[in-house]
Amino acid sequence: MRLSLSDVLLIFFLLFFEASQLCLCRNLTDKGCVEEERHALLKFRDNFDHYSRHVLVWEGKQCCRWKGVKCDGITGHVVRIDLSPKTIHNCTLSCEAMSPSLLELKHLSHLDLSLIDFQGRVPHHLGNLTNLQIIDLNEFYEHGLFVWENQELYMDDFTWVSQLSSLQYINIRGLYIENDVNIIMQAIYNLPFLLQADFMYCGIHSSSTYGFVNSSTLPSKVQVLNLGGDFLDVIPKALQSMTSLRSLDLSLNILIDFDPLWFGKLRFVEHLNLVKNSISGLFPTAIQNQSSLTSLDISDNNILDSIPLWLGEFMFLVHLNLARNKLFGSFPIAIQNINSLRFLDLSSNNLISTILLCFIKRIEHVNLSNNKFSVLQSSYPRNSKITCNLKSLDLFPNNKFEGETYGSIKNISVCINSDLQELDLSHNKLKDLIESFGQLKNLAYLNLASNFLNGPIPLFFRNLTKLEELILKDNQFNGTIPAFLGRFSYLRVLDVSGNHLTGNIPDDLGKLFNLKCLDLSTNSLEGSLGEIILGNMSYLCDLRLGMNKLSIKLAPNLLPPFQLTNLNLSSCIIGTPFPQWLQSQKKLVNLDLPNTSLWGTLPAWFQQENLFVLDLSNNKISGQLLRNLHNMISNLTGMFLGNNLLNGSIPKSLCKLQRLQELNLSKNKLSRKVPSCLGEIEYIELIDLSSNELSGTIPESFCCS
């Protein structure tokens, strides 16, 4: 986000200024800090749980040295409290309630209690901290969880915020607010110095009265306003007097249209985010006069229109995302004159006709996938010098390029000396590659999956040594896996599955120390695979070698350097009892070892609490099913043990696998009655017990209710 105005920079200046005062404060260690404030901090700390108090380690007289506390360099007064995870060494603190002792910190200007596990109501007495310039009570976690889902922390009345007359920055993202948007806007207008406000995921509703708020005589100075992820179905009318707005986020709401007549008054908006609303019909004309825009994102809506010509007048536009709408018509001529554009996403629309290669080369990141484009035009104006800024290019899937018509892609060689890093040409009908691809030496990601490419893997690929992901799956490549791939030291993903590759796996692949995913499945590879190749892959988590003629040669006492989540060796040859080296693999999610000549019993040490799918079918597994299997693989959703040599009864303990959806024990030697509780498993969809020696009646629980 580009915020270059002096008022916004003041926020960042304050942060550095306070940091410098901490250093000054350390020169006053003989004074310690103000005694009343030290006691107030201790009272505040005492409301935290035992673990949090242990993490804080607030001890001694010199509270200016305490973790998360900063003092004024001259007076020694506490001016800043920052207990966020970034300050407390990535620890998340927990506290029953905010202590009123904070009121004794009358000089406090910066309060950051973000991501602390508070409970109950945010106390109104915080409104008495009139020197606060920055308050951060953000409850939104990076992995997408926030406290208000359980309403452990909430604000029942936002009006007390209007008492913070010095406030410049407020972030309460993810904290549930019981007030409607008009009450919040009213409070904002009473804060004369407020520059930035973040109310994302606060559960804010539109006002039932749809009225306007009483503003002060001075217009609001707010420049950054985030109301994303709330429940707004109309544009808050109070926005029309926020003439200083530079950035407005209304994403993830339920807006049906965006056409307020007054929106043109906001002439300085640079960033507008309307992602994932329900905006339908024609392209929003309210945006037409926003000539200052540098970033416009209206993706994931239902706009049914062509891209308007007036969009080409946004000469400062850098980021344009119109993906996942219902836009139609030809490639937009209007935006070809926007020389500032660096990010363009028009994917998943109904655009047709021709893509102008000379235009998209000027942009750094381009995604035109999932449209109906059919021609890639590579002609350039006479005497023109086309510079290339491309870093990522995604034209596929689901466009209509075919075979030789794609030959014009050779002109991408203009980008040979560029920073092109990502190229996705997957899911089309390409039959051949041109040698200039080998000159794209900065490529980090290349996806050619699901085409009709044939012949050996091209030798000119040997120059692509900066590749991190190489995906060639589902083509018709033949010959051997080239040894030069072992020189790709940055490679994290190698997927050549679904081809016609033959021969041995080259030992050079063992040099790919950074590899995370290796998929060579569904080819005709042969020979053996052992520690020479796998012994140094400490980051490997996804290994798929199934549907080949490979022999797996790993010592039983091997301690692999990796922790796999997915292992597929189907139809390879193991030919031993259950592999003992799997005992070290504690993160398996999918284990597919069907038709691998395994024999013997399922070992008692096989404990896999993360395992979802277990497929050991078509082997020679013998003995009885373990009675405690439900404890060993408690989260299983699919168990496939068909066509083995299992005997004895089906243990009732299998019914405790409450997430089980598919159970196949067919073609074994199981006997006695079928446990009726199998049909009572909540999510069960398929049970196959055919071709056994079972007796008794079919349980009623198997019948439809």
Foldseek 3Di string as FASTA:
>chain_A
DDDDDPLVVVVVVVVVVQVVLLVLQVVVVVVQADPLLLVLVVVQLVQWDPVQNVLQPQDDRRNCPTQQWHAGSPHRQTATGAPDCVRSVNDATEGAAGDLSVLVSLNHAYYHNACHHYFDEHDLSVLNSQNHAYYEHAQADPVGDGDCVVDRYAYAAPQSLLSNQNYAYYHHARHAYPEAPQRVLQSQLSRQSHAEYAHANRQHEHDPVLDEHDHDPDQGQHAYYAHDNYAYQDDRPNCLSNLNHQEYHHANYAHQADEDPSLLSNQRHAYYHHHAYAHEEADHCSCLNNLNHQEDANDNYAYAEEDDLSVLSNQNHAYYHHDHYAHEEEDDPNVLNNLNYAYYHHDQYAYEEEDEPLRCQSHAYYAHENYAYEAYDDDDPPPDDRAGAYQAYHHDDPYAYAEPRPVSCLVVLSCLVYQHAYYAPDHYAYAEDDLSVLSNQNHQYYHHYNYAYEEADDPSVLSNLNHQEDAHDQYAYEEADDLSVLSNQNHAYDAHYHYAYEEEHDLSLLSNQNYAEDAHEHYAYEEEDECSRQQRNLNHAHYHHDPYAYEYDYDLPDQHNYAYQYDAHHLYADQEEDRNNCLNHARHAEDHHDNHQHEEEDDPSQAHQNYAEDAHDHYAHEEEDDQVVCRRHVQYQYYHHDQYAYEEEDHPSVLNSLNHAEAAHDNYAYEEADPLSVLVRDRHDYYHHYHYHYDDDDRPSVDDD
